Structures are given as C-alpha cells and as structure tokens.
Amino acid sequence: MNVQVRAKDITLHDNTRAHIESAIEGFSKYTLDITTVNVSLKAEKKGVSVEFDIHIAHAEPVVINQSDDNLDAAIDLAIDRASKALRRLHTKVIDHNNSSVKDLETLDA
C-alpha cells in the first residue's frame, strides 16, 4: 500500500504524521485490496481541510473531505468517516445474501 501525506500551508509535525499513518495501517483490518492512500491537509480561511483519497482494487475510490477549525479534530473526524466507509464497503463485498437482478436472471435460465 502506497501512502502519501501532503500538507499545504500547514506545518506537519511528526506525531501528527505518525497518527495519520497508524490510522491508515488500521484500515487493513477490512481485508480490502487498498492500493494507494493520499492524504491532503490544507489551510483555509476558516480552519483546515483534510482529504483522504483511498484507492481500492476493483472498486471505486473512497474520497473523504473534512473541514474543521482544529487540525487534530479534522483528522480524527476524517479517519472515523473513512473507517465507516471502508466498513460499509467490506460488508457489501462480504455479504453473500446480496444478489443483483442480473444474478437472479442467470439462475432462472
């Protein structure tokens, strides 16, 4: 898994970078084939903006945008939202009871 953390107009401390990277390593528990995670931190007029761009093989990328006045709060909220999105995708992939209309048509034929 490739991880890129970029900060624009923000001083990114080592402990903040370590917090982001440890959270990204925690995403592996969802057993999805995550290929790349891009994290962008930007200073805005009213606080900061955090963007997680998570690329998964054979699925659409998951993009999370979060803004807040506090950098740590924005990072934590974005991590929570990304975890929730990955958990939903994992459940959708693993759920064997979820069948589409195309699957039903091929079974009847």
PDB file of N, CA and C in Angstrom:
ATOM      1  N   MET A   1       0.844  -1.165   0.000  1.00  0.00           N
ATOM      2  CA  MET A   1       0.000   0.000   0.000  1.00  0.00           C
ATOM      3  C   MET A   1       0.894   1.234   0.000  1.00  0.00           C
ATOM      4  N   ASN A   2       0.633   2.115  -0.939  1.00  0.00           N
ATOM      5  CA  ASN A   2       1.362   3.370  -1.021  1.00  0.00           C
ATOM      6  C   ASN A   2       0.615   4.432  -0.220  1.00  0.00           C
ATOM      7  N   VAL A   3       1.353   5.173   0.586  1.00  0.00           N
ATOM      8  CA  VAL A   3       0.764   6.223   1.419  1.00  0.00           C
ATOM      9  C   VAL A   3       1.495   7.528   1.143  1.00  0.00           C
ATOM     10  N   GLN A   4       0.727   8.563   0.815  1.00  0.00           N
ATOM     11  CA  GLN A   4       1.288   9.900   0.626  1.00  0.00           C
ATOM     12  C   GLN A   4       0.537  10.865   1.528  1.00  0.00           C
ATOM     13  N   VAL A   5       1.300  11.642   2.292  1.00  0.00           N
ATOM     14  CA  VAL A   5       0.718  12.668   3.153  1.00  0.00           C
ATOM     15  C   VAL A   5       1.289  14.006   2.707  1.00  0.00           C
ATOM     16  N   ARG A   6       0.398  14.908   2.293  1.00  0.00           N
ATOM     17  CA  ARG A   6       0.831  16.224   1.822  1.00  0.00           C
ATOM     18  C   ARG A   6       0.191  17.301   2.687  1.00  0.00           C
ATOM     19  N   ALA A   7       0.975  18.324   2.977  1.00  0.00           N
ATOM     20  CA  ALA A   7       0.468  19.450   3.762  1.00  0.00           C
ATOM     21  C   ALA A   7       0.742  20.734   2.994  1.00  0.00           C
ATOM     22  N   LYS A   8      -0.290  21.540   2.819  1.00  0.00           N
ATOM     23  CA  LYS A   8      -0.142  22.810   2.120  1.00  0.00           C
ATOM     24  C   LYS A   8      -0.474  23.936   3.090  1.00  0.00           C
ATOM     25  N   ASP A   9       0.487  24.805   3.324  1.00  0.00           N
ATOM     26  CA  ASP A   9       0.352  25.951   4.225  1.00  0.00           C
ATOM     27  C   ASP A   9       0.124  25.532   5.679  1.00  0.00           C
ATOM     28  N   ILE A  10       0.553  24.311   6.032  1.00  0.00           N
ATOM     29  CA  ILE A  10       0.436  23.796   7.390  1.00  0.00           C
ATOM     30  C   ILE A  10       1.763  23.150   7.760  1.00  0.00           C
ATOM     31  N   THR A  11       2.206  23.374   8.987  1.00  0.00           N
ATOM     32  CA  THR A  11       3.382  22.677   9.485  1.00  0.00           C
ATOM     33  C   THR A  11       2.926  21.335  10.046  1.00  0.00           C
ATOM     34  N   LEU A  12       3.411  20.263   9.434  1.00  0.00           N
ATOM     35  CA  LEU A  12       3.002  18.916   9.827  1.00  0.00           C
ATOM     36  C   LEU A  12       4.064  18.337  10.753  1.00  0.00           C
ATOM     37  N   HIS A  13       3.684  18.106  12.001  1.00  0.00           N
ATOM     38  CA  HIS A  13       4.610  17.578  12.994  1.00  0.00           C
ATOM     39  C   HIS A  13       4.701  16.062  12.867  1.00  0.00           C
ATOM     40  N   ASP A  14       5.758  15.500  13.413  1.00  0.00           N
ATOM     41  CA  ASP A  14       5.997  14.057  13.322  1.00  0.00           C
ATOM     42  C   ASP A  14       4.905  13.248  14.010  1.00  0.00           C
ATOM     43  N   ASN A  15       4.426  13.734  15.159  1.00  0.00           N
ATOM     44  CA  ASN A  15       3.386  12.969  15.861  1.00  0.00           C
ATOM     45  C   ASN A  15       2.062  12.977  15.089  1.00  0.00           C
ATOM     46  N   THR A  16       1.752  14.060  14.386  1.00  0.00           N
ATOM     47  CA  THR A  16       0.546  14.121  13.562  1.00  0.00           C
ATOM     48  C   THR A  16       0.671  13.166  12.380  1.00  0.00           C
ATOM     49  N   ARG A  17       1.833  13.155  11.744  1.00  0.00           N
ATOM     50  CA  ARG A  17       2.081  12.248  10.626  1.00  0.00           C
ATOM     51  C   ARG A  17       1.995  10.788  11.100  1.00  0.00           C
ATOM     52  N   ALA A  18       2.554  10.505  12.267  1.00  0.00           N
ATOM     53  CA  ALA A  18       2.515   9.142  12.811  1.00  0.00           C
ATOM     54  C   ALA A  18       1.074   8.727  13.121  1.00  0.00           C
ATOM     55  N   HIS A  19       0.271   9.667  13.631  1.00  0.00           N
ATOM     56  CA  HIS A  19      -1.140   9.383  13.925  1.00  0.00           C
ATOM     57  C   HIS A  19      -1.895   9.025  12.639  1.00  0.00           C
ATOM     58  N   ILE A  20      -1.669   9.774  11.578  1.00  0.00           N
ATOM     59  CA  ILE A  20      -2.327   9.517  10.292  1.00  0.00           C
ATOM     60  C   ILE A  20      -1.889   8.165   9.738  1.00  0.00           C
ATOM     61  N   GLU A  21      -0.593   7.887   9.771  1.00  0.00           N
ATOM     62  CA  GLU A  21      -0.080   6.629   9.219  1.00  0.00           C
ATOM     63  C   GLU A  21      -0.550   5.416  10.017  1.00  0.00           C
ATOM     64  N   SER A  22      -0.647   5.558  11.339  1.00  0.00           N
ATOM     65  CA  SER A  22      -1.145   4.423  12.138  1.00  0.00           C
ATOM     66  C   SER A  22      -2.624   4.169  11.856  1.00  0.00           C
ATOM     67  N   ALA A  23      -3.387   5.224  11.627  1.00  0.00           N
ATOM     68  CA  ALA A  23      -4.803   5.052  11.289  1.00  0.00           C
ATOM     69  C   ALA A  23      -4.948   4.379   9.925  1.00  0.00           C
ATOM     70  N   ILE A  24      -4.093   4.746   8.981  1.00  0.00           N
ATOM     71  CA  ILE A  24      -4.138   4.133   7.651  1.00  0.00           C
ATOM     72  C   ILE A  24      -3.770   2.657   7.735  1.00  0.00           C
ATOM     73  N   GLU A  25      -2.809   2.314   8.581  1.00  0.00           N
ATOM     74  CA  GLU A  25      -2.457   0.906   8.772  1.00  0.00           C
ATOM     75  C   GLU A  25      -3.634   0.137   9.376  1.00  0.00           C
ATOM     76  N   GLY A  26      -4.449   0.813  10.166  1.00  0.00           N
ATOM     77  CA  GLY A  26      -5.626   0.189  10.751  1.00  0.00           C
ATOM     78  C   GLY A  26      -6.698  -0.135   9.721  1.00  0.00           C
ATOM     79  N   PHE A  27      -6.652   0.522   8.565  1.00  0.00           N
ATOM     80  CA  PHE A  27      -7.617   0.245   7.505  1.00  0.00           C
ATOM     81  C   PHE A  27      -7.441  -1.161   6.941  1.00  0.00           C
ATOM     82  N   SER A  28      -6.303  -1.785   7.169  1.00  0.00           N
ATOM     83  CA  SER A  28      -6.049  -3.117   6.614  1.00  0.00           C
ATOM     84  C   SER A  28      -6.937  -4.184   7.254  1.00  0.00           C
ATOM     85  N   LYS A  29      -7.544  -3.880   8.392  1.00  0.00           N
ATOM     86  CA  LYS A  29      -8.407  -4.869   9.054  1.00  0.00           C
ATOM     87  C   LYS A  29      -9.676  -5.157   8.259  1.00  0.00           C
ATOM     88  N   TYR A  30      -9.993  -4.330   7.278  1.00  0.00           N
ATOM     89  CA  TYR A  30     -11.192  -4.531   6.479  1.00  0.00           C
ATOM     90  C   TYR A  30     -10.965  -5.498   5.314  1.00  0.00           C
ATOM     91  N   THR A  31      -9.782  -6.031   5.162  1.00  0.00           N
ATOM     92  CA  THR A  31      -9.392  -7.011   4.140  1.00  0.00           C
ATOM     93  C   THR A  31      -9.802  -6.592   2.733  1.00  0.00           C
ATOM     94  N   LEU A  32      -9.706  -5.306   2.453  1.00  0.00           N
ATOM     95  CA  LEU A  32      -9.908  -4.795   1.107  1.00  0.00           C
ATOM     96  C   LEU A  32      -8.528  -4.608   0.479  1.00  0.00           C
ATOM     97  N   ASP A  33      -8.451  -4.699  -0.818  1.00  0.00           N
ATOM     98  CA  ASP A  33      -7.175  -4.552  -1.508  1.00  0.00           C
ATOM     99  C   ASP A  33      -6.906  -3.069  -1.749  1.00  0.00           C
ATOM    100  N   ILE A  34      -6.484  -2.371  -0.682  1.00  0.00           N
ATOM    101  CA  ILE A  34      -6.196  -0.937  -0.763  1.00  0.00           C
ATOM    102  C   ILE A  34      -4.835  -0.770  -1.425  1.00  0.00           C
ATOM    103  N   THR A  35      -4.812  -0.041  -2.541  1.00  0.00           N
ATOM    104  CA  THR A  35      -3.568   0.136  -3.277  1.00  0.00           C
ATOM    105  C   THR A  35      -2.854   1.428  -2.901  1.00  0.00           C
ATOM    106  N   THR A  36      -3.601   2.522  -2.786  1.00  0.00           N
ATOM    107  CA  THR A  36      -3.000   3.833  -2.526  1.00  0.00           C
ATOM    108  C   THR A  36      -3.893   4.645  -1.599  1.00  0.00           C
ATOM    109  N   VAL A  37      -3.250   5.367  -0.683  1.00  0.00           N
ATOM    110  CA  VAL A  37      -3.968   6.316   0.169  1.00  0.00           C
ATOM    111  C   VAL A  37      -3.242   7.657   0.071  1.00  0.00           C
ATOM    112  N   ASN A  38      -3.957   8.669  -0.404  1.00  0.00           N
ATOM    113  CA  ASN A  38      -3.418  10.019  -0.478  1.00  0.00           C
ATOM    114  C   ASN A  38      -4.132  10.875   0.556  1.00  0.00           C
ATOM    115  N   VAL A  39      -3.356  11.559   1.394  1.00  0.00           N
ATOM    116  CA  VAL A  39      -3.917  12.430   2.419  1.00  0.00           C
ATOM    117  C   VAL A  39      -3.433  13.847   2.134  1.00  0.00           C
ATOM    118  N   SER A  40      -4.374  14.765   2.002  1.00  0.00           N
ATOM    119  CA  SER A  40      -4.041  16.169   1.756  1.00  0.00           C
ATOM    120  C   SER A  40      -4.547  17.013   2.915  1.00  0.00           C
ATOM    121  N   LEU A  41      -3.665  17.811   3.477  1.00  0.00           N
ATOM    122  CA  LEU A  41      -4.010  18.743   4.541  1.00  0.00           C
ATOM    123  C   LEU A  41      -3.808  20.150   3.998  1.00  0.00           C
ATOM    124  N   LYS A  42      -4.842  20.992   4.090  1.00  0.00           N
ATOM    125  CA  LYS A  42      -4.764  22.346   3.547  1.00  0.00           C
ATOM    126  C   LYS A  42      -5.285  23.353   4.557  1.00  0.00           C
ATOM    127  N   ALA A  43      -4.620  24.488   4.614  1.00  0.00           N
ATOM    128  CA  ALA A  43      -5.107  25.596   5.438  1.00  0.00           C
ATOM    129  C   ALA A  43      -6.120  26.381   4.621  1.00  0.00           C
ATOM    130  N   GLU A  44      -7.233  26.727   5.252  1.00  0.00           N
ATOM    131  CA  GLU A  44      -8.272  27.518   4.606  1.00  0.00           C
ATOM    132  C   GLU A  44      -8.535  28.768   5.432  1.00  0.00           C
ATOM    133  N   LYS A  45      -9.414  29.621   4.926  1.00  0.00           N
ATOM    134  CA  LYS A  45      -9.735  30.843   5.656  1.00  0.00           C
ATOM    135  C   LYS A  45     -10.333  30.547   7.017  1.00  0.00           C
ATOM    136  N   LYS A  46     -11.170  29.515   7.075  1.00  0.00           N
ATOM    137  CA  LYS A  46     -11.813  29.145   8.342  1.00  0.00           C
ATOM    138  C   LYS A  46     -11.337  27.757   8.752  1.00  0.00           C
ATOM    139  N   GLY A  47     -10.121  27.640   9.223  1.00  0.00           N
ATOM    140  CA  GLY A  47      -9.625  26.373   9.736  1.00  0.00           C
ATOM    141  C   GLY A  47      -8.801  25.591   8.739  1.00  0.00           C
ATOM    142  N   VAL A  48      -8.973  24.270   8.772  1.00  0.00           N
ATOM    143  CA  VAL A  48      -8.194  23.382   7.909  1.00  0.00           C
ATOM    144  C   VAL A  48      -9.133  22.393   7.209  1.00  0.00           C
ATOM    145  N   SER A  49      -8.635  21.840   6.110  1.00  0.00           N
ATOM    146  CA  SER A  49      -9.368  20.846   5.354  1.00  0.00           C
ATOM    147  C   SER A  49      -8.501  19.602   5.230  1.00  0.00           C
ATOM    148  N   VAL A  50      -9.102  18.436   5.466  1.00  0.00           N
ATOM    149  CA  VAL A  50      -8.405  17.162   5.364  1.00  0.00           C
ATOM    150  C   VAL A  50      -9.123  16.323   4.316  1.00  0.00           C
ATOM    151  N   GLU A  51      -8.362  15.747   3.399  1.00  0.00           N
ATOM    152  CA  GLU A  51      -8.948  14.900   2.367  1.00  0.00           C
ATOM    153  C   GLU A  51      -8.237  13.556   2.335  1.00  0.00           C
ATOM    154  N   PHE A  52      -8.993  12.492   2.455  1.00  0.00           N
ATOM    155  CA  PHE A  52      -8.492  11.126   2.299  1.00  0.00           C
ATOM    156  C   PHE A  52      -8.968  10.621   0.947  1.00  0.00           C
ATOM    157  N   ASP A  53      -8.050  10.178   0.104  1.00  0.00           N
ATOM    158  CA  ASP A  53      -8.365   9.604  -1.196  1.00  0.00           C
ATOM    159  C   ASP A  53      -7.849   8.169  -1.173  1.00  0.00           C
ATOM    160  N   ILE A  54      -8.757   7.207  -1.010  1.00  0.00           N
ATOM    161  CA  ILE A  54      -8.387   5.810  -0.810  1.00  0.00           C
ATOM    162  C   ILE A  54      -8.750   5.033  -2.073  1.00  0.00           C
ATOM    163  N   HIS A  55      -7.724   4.482  -2.732  1.00  0.00           N
ATOM    164  CA  HIS A  55      -7.925   3.704  -3.947  1.00  0.00           C
ATOM    165  C   HIS A  55      -7.931   2.224  -3.605  1.00  0.00           C
ATOM    166  N   ILE A  56      -8.969   1.536  -4.066  1.00  0.00           N
ATOM    167  CA  ILE A  56      -9.159   0.117  -3.781  1.00  0.00           C
ATOM    168  C   ILE A  56      -9.253  -0.610  -5.117  1.00  0.00           C
ATOM    169  N   ALA A  57      -8.544  -1.746  -5.231  1.00  0.00           N
ATOM    170  CA  ALA A  57      -8.588  -2.530  -6.457  1.00  0.00           C
ATOM    171  C   ALA A  57     -10.002  -3.045  -6.688  1.00  0.00           C
ATOM    172  N   HIS A  58     -10.464  -2.965  -7.933  1.00  0.00           N
ATOM    173  CA  HIS A  58     -11.770  -3.470  -8.356  1.00  0.00           C
ATOM    174  C   HIS A  58     -12.933  -2.746  -7.689  1.00  0.00           C
ATOM    175  N   ALA A  59     -12.738  -1.506  -7.282  1.00  0.00           N
ATOM    176  CA  ALA A  59     -13.816  -0.720  -6.676  1.00  0.00           C
ATOM    177  C   ALA A  59     -13.546   0.764  -6.950  1.00  0.00           C
ATOM    178  N   GLU A  60     -14.573   1.542  -6.779  1.00  0.00           N
ATOM    179  CA  GLU A  60     -14.431   2.985  -6.922  1.00  0.00           C
ATOM    180  C   GLU A  60     -13.613   3.542  -5.759  1.00  0.00           C
ATOM    181  N   PRO A  61     -12.844   4.608  -5.977  1.00  0.00           N
ATOM    182  CA  PRO A  61     -12.094   5.185  -4.860  1.00  0.00           C
ATOM    183  C   PRO A  61     -13.028   5.806  -3.821  1.00  0.00           C
ATOM    184  N   VAL A  62     -12.583   5.774  -2.579  1.00  0.00           N
ATOM    185  CA  VAL A  62     -13.323   6.381  -1.476  1.00  0.00           C
ATOM    186  C   VAL A  62     -12.657   7.718  -1.180  1.00  0.00           C
ATOM    187  N   VAL A  63     -13.422   8.808  -1.293  1.00  0.00           N
ATOM    188  CA  VAL A  63     -12.890  10.147  -1.060  1.00  0.00           C
ATOM    189  C   VAL A  63     -13.645  10.764   0.107  1.00  0.00           C
ATOM    190  N   ILE A  64     -12.891  11.169   1.129  1.00  0.00           N
ATOM    191  CA  ILE A  64     -13.458  11.769   2.329  1.00  0.00           C
ATOM    192  C   ILE A  64     -12.899  13.184   2.463  1.00  0.00           C
ATOM    193  N   ASN A  65     -13.775  14.180   2.556  1.00  0.00           N
ATOM    194  CA  ASN A  65     -13.380  15.563   2.794  1.00  0.00           C
ATOM    195  C   ASN A  65     -13.928  15.994   4.143  1.00  0.00           C
ATOM    196  N   GLN A  66     -13.071  16.597   4.948  1.00  0.00           N
ATOM    197  CA  GLN A  66     -13.490  17.051   6.276  1.00  0.00           C
ATOM    198  C   GLN A  66     -12.846  18.395   6.573  1.00  0.00           C
ATOM    199  N   SER A  67     -13.628  19.340   7.041  1.00  0.00           N
ATOM    200  CA  SER A  67     -13.123  20.657   7.432  1.00  0.00           C
ATOM    201  C   SER A  67     -13.447  20.906   8.892  1.00  0.00           C
ATOM    202  N   ASP A  68     -12.550  21.610   9.568  1.00  0.00           N
ATOM    203  CA  ASP A  68     -12.766  21.947  10.976  1.00  0.00           C
ATOM    204  C   ASP A  68     -11.815  23.079  11.339  1.00  0.00           C
ATOM    205  N   ASP A  69     -12.064  23.684  12.493  1.00  0.00           N
ATOM    206  CA  ASP A  69     -11.183  24.746  12.973  1.00  0.00           C
ATOM    207  C   ASP A  69      -9.866  24.183  13.496  1.00  0.00           C
ATOM    208  N   ASN A  70      -9.916  22.989  14.062  1.00  0.00           N
ATOM    209  CA  ASN A  70      -8.748  22.365  14.682  1.00  0.00           C
ATOM    210  C   ASN A  70      -8.226  21.250  13.771  1.00  0.00           C
ATOM    211  N   LEU A  71      -6.923  21.197  13.559  1.00  0.00           N
ATOM    212  CA  LEU A  71      -6.317  20.197  12.685  1.00  0.00           C
ATOM    213  C   LEU A  71      -6.532  18.782  13.211  1.00  0.00           C
ATOM    214  N   ASP A  72      -6.280  18.576  14.493  1.00  0.00           N
ATOM    215  CA  ASP A  72      -6.431  17.231  15.064  1.00  0.00           C
ATOM    216  C   ASP A  72      -7.880  16.750  15.012  1.00  0.00           C
ATOM    217  N   ALA A  73      -8.817  17.638  15.259  1.00  0.00           N
ATOM    218  CA  ALA A  73     -10.233  17.262  15.203  1.00  0.00           C
ATOM    219  C   ALA A  73     -10.627  16.895  13.771  1.00  0.00           C
ATOM    220  N   ALA A  74     -10.155  17.663  12.797  1.00  0.00           N
ATOM    221  CA  ALA A  74     -10.462  17.372  11.397  1.00  0.00           C
ATOM    222  C   ALA A  74      -9.883  16.025  10.978  1.00  0.00           C
ATOM    223  N   ILE A  75      -8.675  15.724  11.416  1.00  0.00           N
ATOM    224  CA  ILE A  75      -8.038  14.445  11.090  1.00  0.00           C
ATOM    225  C   ILE A  75      -8.820  13.298  11.716  1.00  0.00           C
ATOM    226  N   ASP A  76      -9.187  13.431  12.985  1.00  0.00           N
ATOM    227  CA  ASP A  76      -9.923  12.365  13.664  1.00  0.00           C
ATOM    228  C   ASP A  76     -11.296  12.125  13.031  1.00  0.00           C
ATOM    229  N   LEU A  77     -11.998  13.196  12.670  1.00  0.00           N
ATOM    230  CA  LEU A  77     -13.297  13.045  12.027  1.00  0.00           C
ATOM    231  C   LEU A  77     -13.153  12.386  10.656  1.00  0.00           C
ATOM    232  N   ALA A  78     -12.124  12.766   9.903  1.00  0.00           N
ATOM    233  CA  ALA A  78     -11.904  12.165   8.585  1.00  0.00           C
ATOM    234  C   ALA A  78     -11.552  10.687   8.710  1.00  0.00           C
ATOM    235  N   ILE A  79     -10.761  10.328   9.710  1.00  0.00           N
ATOM    236  CA  ILE A  79     -10.404   8.916   9.939  1.00  0.00           C
ATOM    237  C   ILE A  79     -11.651   8.115  10.295  1.00  0.00           C
ATOM    238  N   ASP A  80     -12.515   8.664  11.142  1.00  0.00           N
ATOM    239  CA  ASP A  80     -13.751   7.979  11.513  1.00  0.00           C
ATOM    240  C   ASP A  80     -14.662   7.772  10.302  1.00  0.00           C
ATOM    241  N   ARG A  81     -14.780   8.815   9.474  1.00  0.00           N
ATOM    242  CA  ARG A  81     -15.624   8.708   8.292  1.00  0.00           C
ATOM    243  C   ARG A  81     -15.054   7.718   7.293  1.00  0.00           C
ATOM    244  N   ALA A  82     -13.718   7.692   7.130  1.00  0.00           N
ATOM    245  CA  ALA A  82     -13.082   6.745   6.216  1.00  0.00           C
ATOM    246  C   ALA A  82     -13.267   5.316   6.714  1.00  0.00           C
ATOM    247  N   SER A  83     -13.132   5.112   8.020  1.00  0.00           N
ATOM    248  CA  SER A  83     -13.340   3.774   8.589  1.00  0.00           C
ATOM    249  C   SER A  83     -14.765   3.299   8.358  1.00  0.00           C
ATOM    250  N   LYS A  84     -15.716   4.187   8.533  1.00  0.00           N
ATOM    251  CA  LYS A  84     -17.113   3.833   8.330  1.00  0.00           C
ATOM    252  C   LYS A  84     -17.371   3.466   6.869  1.00  0.00           C
ATOM    253  N   ALA A  85     -16.812   4.239   5.941  1.00  0.00           N
ATOM    254  CA  ALA A  85     -16.995   3.954   4.518  1.00  0.00           C
ATOM    255  C   ALA A  85     -16.346   2.626   4.132  1.00  0.00           C
ATOM    256  N   LEU A  86     -15.164   2.355   4.658  1.00  0.00           N
ATOM    257  CA  LEU A  86     -14.488   1.096   4.360  1.00  0.00           C
ATOM    258  C   LEU A  86     -15.221  -0.090   4.979  1.00  0.00           C
ATOM    259  N   ARG A  87     -15.770   0.101   6.171  1.00  0.00           N
ATOM    260  CA  ARG A  87     -16.544  -0.961   6.809  1.00  0.00           C
ATOM    261  C   ARG A  87     -17.786  -1.287   5.981  1.00  0.00           C
ATOM    262  N   ARG A  88     -18.453  -0.256   5.466  1.00  0.00           N
ATOM    263  CA  ARG A  88     -19.633  -0.480   4.620  1.00  0.00           C
ATOM    264  C   ARG A  88     -19.253  -1.215   3.333  1.00  0.00           C
ATOM    265  N   LEU A  89     -18.148  -0.827   2.717  1.00  0.00           N
ATOM    266  CA  LEU A  89     -17.701  -1.493   1.504  1.00  0.00           C
ATOM    267  C   LEU A  89     -17.328  -2.944   1.791  1.00  0.00           C
ATOM    268  N   HIS A  90     -16.666  -3.177   2.907  1.00  0.00           N
ATOM    269  CA  HIS A  90     -16.294  -4.536   3.301  1.00  0.00           C
ATOM    270  C   HIS A  90     -17.549  -5.399   3.495  1.00  0.00           C
ATOM    271  N   THR A  91     -18.548  -4.852   4.162  1.00  0.00           N
ATOM    272  CA  THR A  91     -19.796  -5.578   4.392  1.00  0.00           C
ATOM    273  C   THR A  91     -20.495  -5.871   3.070  1.00  0.00           C
ATOM    274  N   LYS A  92     -20.448  -4.927   2.165  1.00  0.00           N
ATOM    275  CA  LYS A  92     -21.083  -5.096   0.863  1.00  0.00           C
ATOM    276  C   LYS A  92     -20.385  -6.195   0.057  1.00  0.00           C
ATOM    277  N   VAL A  93     -19.081  -6.262   0.122  1.00  0.00           N
ATOM    278  CA  VAL A  93     -18.320  -7.272  -0.608  1.00  0.00           C
ATOM    279  C   VAL A  93     -18.519  -8.652   0.015  1.00  0.00           C
ATOM    280  N   ILE A  94     -18.527  -8.720   1.330  1.00  0.00           N
ATOM    281  CA  ILE A  94     -18.599  -9.995   2.035  1.00  0.00           C
ATOM    282  C   ILE A  94     -20.016 -10.567   2.072  1.00  0.00           C
ATOM    283  N   ASP A  95     -21.025  -9.725   2.035  1.00  0.00           N
ATOM    284  CA  ASP A  95     -22.405 -10.161   2.182  1.00  0.00           C
ATOM    285  C   ASP A  95     -22.805 -11.087   1.033  1.00  0.00           C
ATOM    286  N   HIS A  96     -23.050 -12.347   1.342  1.00  0.00           N
ATOM    287  CA  HIS A  96     -23.393 -13.329   0.319  1.00  0.00           C
ATOM    288  C   HIS A  96     -24.884 -13.319   0.003  1.00  0.00           C
ATOM    289  N   ASN A  97     -25.671 -12.715   0.838  1.00  0.00           N
ATOM    290  CA  ASN A  97     -27.106 -12.673   0.590  1.00  0.00           C
ATOM    291  C   ASN A  97     -27.481 -11.567  -0.380  1.00  0.00           C
ATOM    292  N   ASN A  98     -26.584 -10.679  -0.656  1.00  0.00           N
ATOM    293  CA  ASN A  98     -26.834  -9.554  -1.531  1.00  0.00           C
ATOM    294  C   ASN A  98     -26.652 -10.019  -2.978  1.00  0.00           C
ATOM    295  N   SER A  99     -27.737 -10.175  -3.695  1.00  0.00           N
ATOM    296  CA  SER A  99     -27.649 -10.587  -5.092  1.00  0.00           C
ATOM    297  C   SER A  99     -28.313  -9.535  -5.965  1.00  0.00           C
ATOM    298  N   SER A 100     -27.821  -9.410  -7.170  1.00  0.00           N
ATOM    299  CA  SER A 100     -28.359  -8.411  -8.070  1.00  0.00           C
ATOM    300  C   SER A 100     -29.404  -9.033  -8.971  1.00  0.00           C
ATOM    301  N   VAL A 101     -30.087  -8.215  -9.734  1.00  0.00           N
ATOM    302  CA  VAL A 101     -31.107  -8.686 -10.645  1.00  0.00           C
ATOM    303  C   VAL A 101     -30.480  -9.563 -11.729  1.00  0.00           C
ATOM    304  N   LYS A 102     -29.290  -9.203 -12.183  1.00  0.00           N
ATOM    305  CA  LYS A 102     -28.608  -9.995 -13.220  1.00  0.00           C
ATOM    306  C   LYS A 102     -28.325 -11.413 -12.718  1.00  0.00           C
ATOM    307  N   ASP A 103     -27.920 -11.544 -11.451  1.00  0.00           N
ATOM    308  CA  ASP A 103     -27.660 -12.863 -10.892  1.00  0.00           C
ATOM    309  C   ASP A 103     -28.932 -13.703 -10.855  1.00  0.00           C
ATOM    310  N   LEU A 104     -30.063 -13.084 -10.516  1.00  0.00           N
ATOM    311  CA  LEU A 104     -31.314 -13.814 -10.466  1.00  0.00           C
ATOM    312  C   LEU A 104     -31.747 -14.274 -11.843  1.00  0.00           C
ATOM    313  N   GLU A 105     -31.533 -13.442 -12.876  1.00  0.00           N
ATOM    314  CA  GLU A 105     -31.915 -13.802 -14.233  1.00  0.00           C
ATOM    315  C   GLU A 105     -31.091 -14.987 -14.740  1.00  0.00           C
ATOM    316  N   THR A 106     -29.797 -15.029 -14.435  1.00  0.00           N
ATOM    317  CA  THR A 106     -28.954 -16.119 -14.927  1.00  0.00           C
ATOM    318  C   THR A 106     -29.273 -17.416 -14.195  1.00  0.00           C
ATOM    319  N   LEU A 107     -29.742 -17.353 -12.953  1.00  0.00           N
ATOM    320  CA  LEU A 107     -30.105 -18.567 -12.233  1.00  0.00           C
ATOM    321  C   LEU A 107     -31.382 -19.192 -12.784  1.00  0.00           C
ATOM    322  N   ASP A 108     -32.314 -18.356 -13.235  1.00  0.00           N
ATOM    323  CA  ASP A 108     -33.586 -18.848 -13.755  1.00  0.00           C
ATOM    324  C   ASP A 108     -33.440 -19.480 -15.136  1.00  0.00           C
ATOM    325  N   ALA A 109     -32.484 -19.053 -15.907  1.00  0.00           N
ATOM    326  CA  ALA A 109     -32.337 -19.523 -17.301  1.00  0.00           C
ATOM    327  C   ALA A 109     -31.802 -20.911 -17.406  1.00  0.00           C
TER     328      ALA A 109
END
